[in-house]
Amino acid sequence: MSPEARVFFGLGANLGDRRAALRAAVRQLREIVAELRVSSLYQSDPWGMTDQPPFLNAVARGETALTPIALLDAIQEIEHDLGRVRGKRWGPRAIDIDILLYGSEQIAEPRLTVPHPYLTQRSFVLRPLADLAAGLTLPDGSLVGELLTTVDQSDLRRIEGPRWAE
């Protein structure tokens, strides 16, 4: 597989051994994505549906030759392997892997929207994304580092640096 597109993933878990689930997700992502790097690990309050345990979150960045839909299929298989059961929207989950960005592409398909539709509203995505690429310009021209100043980060707690995934 020759790398062609830089991709960013949002990773989250709030059920079971959250850190172990995220580490397992990173190990499996390394099998399908080249040069994978991870952000620091953060804990955040739930977003959307708030009556559930806190999440651990991170962002991963890598290179892929997979098409966006093939990449989505691969990460959904990883989620399934790690015990993800699709339930209520924004509900609790053993693992969640979202495609945040796929190169500079804008994708609007029934199964996939990229950039992720809530990327610019979530501190638990923007903070770890800024760890990896604060100067990144999104397809709409906004800068990750600047967007980070527009979201409430009061519930976000850095748990560990990027070595958490080792």
C-alpha atoms as a PDB file:
ATOM      1  CA  MET A   1       0.000   0.000   0.000  1.00  0.00           C
ATOM      2  CA  SER A   2       1.585   3.287  -1.046  1.00  0.00           C
ATOM      3  CA  PRO A   3       0.467   6.161   1.195  1.00  0.00           C
ATOM      4  CA  GLU A   4      -1.580   8.774  -0.609  1.00  0.00           C
ATOM      5  CA  ALA A   5      -3.835  10.625   1.830  1.00  0.00           C
ATOM      6  CA  ARG A   6      -3.147  11.996   5.302  1.00  0.00           C
ATOM      7  CA  VAL A   7      -5.986  10.958   7.582  1.00  0.00           C
ATOM      8  CA  PHE A   8      -6.959  11.948  11.110  1.00  0.00           C
ATOM      9  CA  PHE A   9      -9.072   9.770  13.394  1.00  0.00           C
ATOM     10  CA  GLY A  10     -10.948  10.634  16.559  1.00  0.00           C
ATOM     11  CA  LEU A  11     -10.715   7.864  19.153  1.00  0.00           C
ATOM     12  CA  GLY A  12     -12.952   7.524  22.181  1.00  0.00           C
ATOM     13  CA  ALA A  13     -14.168   5.012  24.773  1.00  0.00           C
ATOM     14  CA  ASN A  14     -16.194   5.188  27.972  1.00  0.00           C
ATOM     15  CA  LEU A  15     -17.034   1.573  28.817  1.00  0.00           C
ATOM     16  CA  GLY A  16     -14.829  -1.137  30.307  1.00  0.00           C
ATOM     17  CA  ASP A  17     -11.054  -0.704  30.274  1.00  0.00           C
ATOM     18  CA  ARG A  18     -11.050   2.463  28.187  1.00  0.00           C
ATOM     19  CA  ARG A  19      -7.268   2.794  27.892  1.00  0.00           C
ATOM     20  CA  ALA A  20      -6.861  -0.858  26.828  1.00  0.00           C
ATOM     21  CA  ALA A  21      -9.572  -0.430  24.187  1.00  0.00           C
ATOM     22  CA  LEU A  22      -7.884   2.681  22.798  1.00  0.00           C
ATOM     23  CA  ARG A  23      -4.471   0.966  22.758  1.00  0.00           C
ATOM     24  CA  ALA A  24      -5.978  -2.013  20.923  1.00  0.00           C
ATOM     25  CA  ALA A  25      -7.592   0.347  18.402  1.00  0.00           C
ATOM     26  CA  VAL A  26      -4.235   2.045  17.773  1.00  0.00           C
ATOM     27  CA  ARG A  27      -2.517  -1.342  17.306  1.00  0.00           C
ATOM     28  CA  GLN A  28      -5.122  -2.351  14.731  1.00  0.00           C
ATOM     29  CA  LEU A  29      -5.042   1.038  12.995  1.00  0.00           C
ATOM     30  CA  ARG A  30      -1.274   0.588  12.573  1.00  0.00           C
ATOM     31  CA  GLU A  31      -2.042  -2.489  10.463  1.00  0.00           C
ATOM     32  CA  ILE A  32      -4.042  -0.448   7.918  1.00  0.00           C
ATOM     33  CA  VAL A  33      -2.528   3.053   8.186  1.00  0.00           C
ATOM     34  CA  ALA A  34       1.146   3.949   7.677  1.00  0.00           C
ATOM     35  CA  GLU A  35       3.151   6.272   9.961  1.00  0.00           C
ATOM     36  CA  LEU A  36       0.460   6.383  12.651  1.00  0.00           C
ATOM     37  CA  ARG A  37       1.053   8.959  15.407  1.00  0.00           C
ATOM     38  CA  VAL A  38      -1.169   9.647  18.386  1.00  0.00           C
ATOM     39  CA  SER A  39      -1.970  12.688  20.483  1.00  0.00           C
ATOM     40  CA  SER A  40      -1.955  12.893  24.233  1.00  0.00           C
ATOM     41  CA  LEU A  41      -4.789  11.113  26.018  1.00  0.00           C
ATOM     42  CA  TYR A  42      -7.642  13.209  27.440  1.00  0.00           C
ATOM     43  CA  GLN A  43     -10.650  12.594  29.641  1.00  0.00           C
ATOM     44  CA  SER A  44     -13.861  14.464  28.880  1.00  0.00           C
ATOM     45  CA  ASP A  45     -17.437  14.589  30.010  1.00  0.00           C
ATOM     46  CA  PRO A  46     -19.883  12.954  27.595  1.00  0.00           C
ATOM     47  CA  TRP A  47     -21.206  15.067  24.719  1.00  0.00           C
ATOM     48  CA  GLY A  48     -24.757  14.877  23.424  1.00  0.00           C
ATOM     49  CA  MET A  49     -26.148  12.250  25.777  1.00  0.00           C
ATOM     50  CA  THR A  50     -24.683  13.313  29.134  1.00  0.00           C
ATOM     51  CA  ASP A  51     -25.983  10.603  31.516  1.00  0.00           C
ATOM     52  CA  GLN A  52     -23.070   8.188  31.037  1.00  0.00           C
ATOM     53  CA  PRO A  53     -19.456   7.683  32.199  1.00  0.00           C
ATOM     54  CA  PRO A  54     -16.661  10.053  31.105  1.00  0.00           C
ATOM     55  CA  PHE A  55     -14.732   9.335  27.920  1.00  0.00           C
ATOM     56  CA  LEU A  56     -11.065   8.891  27.214  1.00  0.00           C
ATOM     57  CA  ASN A  57     -10.225  10.545  23.878  1.00  0.00           C
ATOM     58  CA  ALA A  58      -7.298  10.937  21.530  1.00  0.00           C
ATOM     59  CA  VAL A  59      -6.594  11.696  17.888  1.00  0.00           C
ATOM     60  CA  ALA A  60      -4.423   9.618  15.560  1.00  0.00           C
ATOM     61  CA  ARG A  61      -2.830  10.702  12.281  1.00  0.00           C
ATOM     62  CA  GLY A  62      -1.490   8.530   9.479  1.00  0.00           C
ATOM     63  CA  GLU A  63      -1.194   7.957   5.755  1.00  0.00           C
ATOM     64  CA  THR A  64      -3.385   5.636   3.685  1.00  0.00           C
ATOM     65  CA  ALA A  65      -3.954   4.484   0.138  1.00  0.00           C
ATOM     66  CA  LEU A  66      -7.404   3.163   1.061  1.00  0.00           C
ATOM     67  CA  THR A  67     -10.392   5.000  -0.370  1.00  0.00           C
ATOM     68  CA  PRO A  68     -12.513   6.819   2.216  1.00  0.00           C
ATOM     69  CA  ILE A  69     -15.239   4.137   2.152  1.00  0.00           C
ATOM     70  CA  ALA A  70     -12.721   1.281   2.304  1.00  0.00           C
ATOM     71  CA  LEU A  71     -11.123   3.049   5.286  1.00  0.00           C
ATOM     72  CA  LEU A  72     -14.543   3.432   6.938  1.00  0.00           C
ATOM     73  CA  ASP A  73     -15.222  -0.279   6.420  1.00  0.00           C
ATOM     74  CA  ALA A  74     -11.841  -1.140   7.944  1.00  0.00           C
ATOM     75  CA  ILE A  75     -12.334   1.010  11.048  1.00  0.00           C
ATOM     76  CA  GLN A  76     -15.867  -0.295  11.547  1.00  0.00           C
ATOM     77  CA  GLU A  77     -14.411  -3.812  11.475  1.00  0.00           C
ATOM     78  CA  ILE A  78     -11.883  -2.752  14.136  1.00  0.00           C
ATOM     79  CA  GLU A  79     -14.712  -1.320  16.250  1.00  0.00           C
ATOM     80  CA  HIS A  80     -16.662  -4.560  15.883  1.00  0.00           C
ATOM     81  CA  ASP A  81     -13.591  -6.648  16.818  1.00  0.00           C
ATOM     82  CA  LEU A  82     -13.160  -4.517  19.957  1.00  0.00           C
ATOM     83  CA  GLY A  83     -16.754  -4.948  21.108  1.00  0.00           C
ATOM     84  CA  ARG A  84     -18.505  -1.900  19.705  1.00  0.00           C
ATOM     85  CA  VAL A  85     -22.262  -2.336  19.750  1.00  0.00           C
ATOM     86  CA  ARG A  86     -24.125   0.368  17.903  1.00  0.00           C
ATOM     87  CA  GLY A  87     -26.852   1.735  20.122  1.00  0.00           C
ATOM     88  CA  LYS A  88     -28.147   5.173  20.917  1.00  0.00           C
ATOM     89  CA  ARG A  89     -26.588   8.104  19.100  1.00  0.00           C
ATOM     90  CA  TRP A  90     -23.896   9.656  21.323  1.00  0.00           C
ATOM     91  CA  GLY A  91     -24.453   6.844  23.818  1.00  0.00           C
ATOM     92  CA  PRO A  92     -21.861   4.858  25.769  1.00  0.00           C
ATOM     93  CA  ARG A  93     -19.426   2.745  23.812  1.00  0.00           C
ATOM     94  CA  ALA A  94     -16.509   0.383  24.285  1.00  0.00           C
ATOM     95  CA  ILE A  95     -14.716   2.051  21.366  1.00  0.00           C
ATOM     96  CA  ASP A  96     -15.407   4.744  18.811  1.00  0.00           C
ATOM     97  CA  ILE A  97     -13.235   5.554  15.815  1.00  0.00           C
ATOM     98  CA  ASP A  98     -14.248   8.453  13.579  1.00  0.00           C
ATOM     99  CA  ILE A  99     -12.629   9.649  10.375  1.00  0.00           C
ATOM    100  CA  LEU A 100     -12.137  13.337  11.123  1.00  0.00           C
ATOM    101  CA  LEU A 101     -10.237  14.331   7.976  1.00  0.00           C
ATOM    102  CA  TYR A 102      -9.212  12.543   4.793  1.00  0.00           C
ATOM    103  CA  GLY A 103      -6.620  14.712   3.064  1.00  0.00           C
ATOM    104  CA  SER A 104      -8.297  17.953   2.035  1.00  0.00           C
ATOM    105  CA  GLU A 105     -11.374  16.136   0.752  1.00  0.00           C
ATOM    106  CA  GLN A 106     -14.933  17.081   1.556  1.00  0.00           C
ATOM    107  CA  ILE A 107     -17.146  14.004   1.464  1.00  0.00           C
ATOM    108  CA  ALA A 108     -20.911  13.924   1.862  1.00  0.00           C
ATOM    109  CA  GLU A 109     -22.166  10.388   1.374  1.00  0.00           C
ATOM    110  CA  PRO A 110     -24.900   8.513   3.248  1.00  0.00           C
ATOM    111  CA  ARG A 111     -22.331   6.527   5.270  1.00  0.00           C
ATOM    112  CA  LEU A 112     -19.589   9.124   5.618  1.00  0.00           C
ATOM    113  CA  THR A 113     -19.244  12.861   6.091  1.00  0.00           C
ATOM    114  CA  VAL A 114     -15.733  14.352   6.080  1.00  0.00           C
ATOM    115  CA  PRO A 115     -14.643  16.581   7.673  1.00  0.00           C
ATOM    116  CA  HIS A 116     -16.466  15.068  10.627  1.00  0.00           C
ATOM    117  CA  PRO A 117     -19.589  17.222  11.085  1.00  0.00           C
ATOM    118  CA  TYR A 118     -18.881  18.041  14.764  1.00  0.00           C
ATOM    119  CA  LEU A 119     -15.102  18.399  14.535  1.00  0.00           C
ATOM    120  CA  THR A 120     -15.119  22.167  15.084  1.00  0.00           C
ATOM    121  CA  GLN A 121     -17.470  22.005  18.105  1.00  0.00           C
ATOM    122  CA  ARG A 122     -15.782  19.400  20.286  1.00  0.00           C
ATOM    123  CA  SER A 123     -12.864  20.266  22.555  1.00  0.00           C
ATOM    124  CA  PHE A 124     -12.149  16.546  23.007  1.00  0.00           C
ATOM    125  CA  VAL A 125     -11.412  16.413  19.264  1.00  0.00           C
ATOM    126  CA  LEU A 126      -9.828  19.834  18.676  1.00  0.00           C
ATOM    127  CA  ARG A 127      -7.387  19.694  21.639  1.00  0.00           C
ATOM    128  CA  PRO A 128      -5.809  16.344  20.661  1.00  0.00           C
ATOM    129  CA  LEU A 129      -5.956  17.322  16.978  1.00  0.00           C
ATOM    130  CA  ALA A 130      -4.010  20.466  17.867  1.00  0.00           C
ATOM    131  CA  ASP A 131      -1.438  18.260  19.651  1.00  0.00           C
ATOM    132  CA  LEU A 132      -0.660  16.716  16.267  1.00  0.00           C
ATOM    133  CA  ALA A 133      -1.375  19.596  13.884  1.00  0.00           C
ATOM    134  CA  ALA A 134      -2.187  22.978  15.478  1.00  0.00           C
ATOM    135  CA  GLY A 135      -1.349  24.747  12.216  1.00  0.00           C
ATOM    136  CA  LEU A 136      -3.531  22.497  10.084  1.00  0.00           C
ATOM    137  CA  THR A 137      -5.937  24.283   7.761  1.00  0.00           C
ATOM    138  CA  LEU A 138      -9.285  22.537   7.401  1.00  0.00           C
ATOM    139  CA  PRO A 139     -11.007  22.310   3.990  1.00  0.00           C
ATOM    140  CA  ASP A 140     -13.174  25.338   4.906  1.00  0.00           C
ATOM    141  CA  GLY A 141     -10.031  27.446   5.496  1.00  0.00           C
ATOM    142  CA  SER A 142     -10.214  27.514   9.308  1.00  0.00           C
ATOM    143  CA  LEU A 143      -7.139  26.731  11.399  1.00  0.00           C
ATOM    144  CA  VAL A 144      -7.246  24.037  14.073  1.00  0.00           C
ATOM    145  CA  GLY A 145      -5.306  26.155  16.570  1.00  0.00           C
ATOM    146  CA  GLU A 146      -7.692  29.085  16.148  1.00  0.00           C
ATOM    147  CA  LEU A 147     -10.798  26.876  16.396  1.00  0.00           C
ATOM    148  CA  LEU A 148      -9.511  25.519  19.684  1.00  0.00           C
ATOM    149  CA  THR A 149      -9.848  28.988  21.208  1.00  0.00           C
ATOM    150  CA  THR A 150     -13.577  29.023  20.364  1.00  0.00           C
ATOM    151  CA  VAL A 151     -14.642  25.923  22.327  1.00  0.00           C
ATOM    152  CA  ASP A 152     -15.124  25.373  26.055  1.00  0.00           C
ATOM    153  CA  GLN A 153     -12.307  23.159  27.349  1.00  0.00           C
ATOM    154  CA  SER A 154     -13.270  23.279  31.032  1.00  0.00           C
ATOM    155  CA  ASP A 155     -14.268  19.579  31.176  1.00  0.00           C
ATOM    156  CA  LEU A 156     -11.176  18.375  29.314  1.00  0.00           C
ATOM    157  CA  ARG A 157      -8.326  16.860  31.332  1.00  0.00           C
ATOM    158  CA  ARG A 158      -5.016  15.703  29.877  1.00  0.00           C
ATOM    159  CA  ILE A 159      -4.346  12.248  31.324  1.00  0.00           C
ATOM    160  CA  GLU A 160      -1.052  11.284  29.657  1.00  0.00           C
ATOM    161  CA  GLY A 161       1.282  12.238  26.826  1.00  0.00           C
ATOM    162  CA  PRO A 162       1.412  10.372  23.500  1.00  0.00           C
ATOM    163  CA  ARG A 163       3.303   7.420  25.002  1.00  0.00           C
ATOM    164  CA  TRP A 164      -0.027   6.120  26.396  1.00  0.00           C
ATOM    165  CA  ALA A 165      -0.474   4.083  23.210  1.00  0.00           C
ATOM    166  CA  GLU A 166       2.767   2.095  23.578  1.00  0.00           C
END
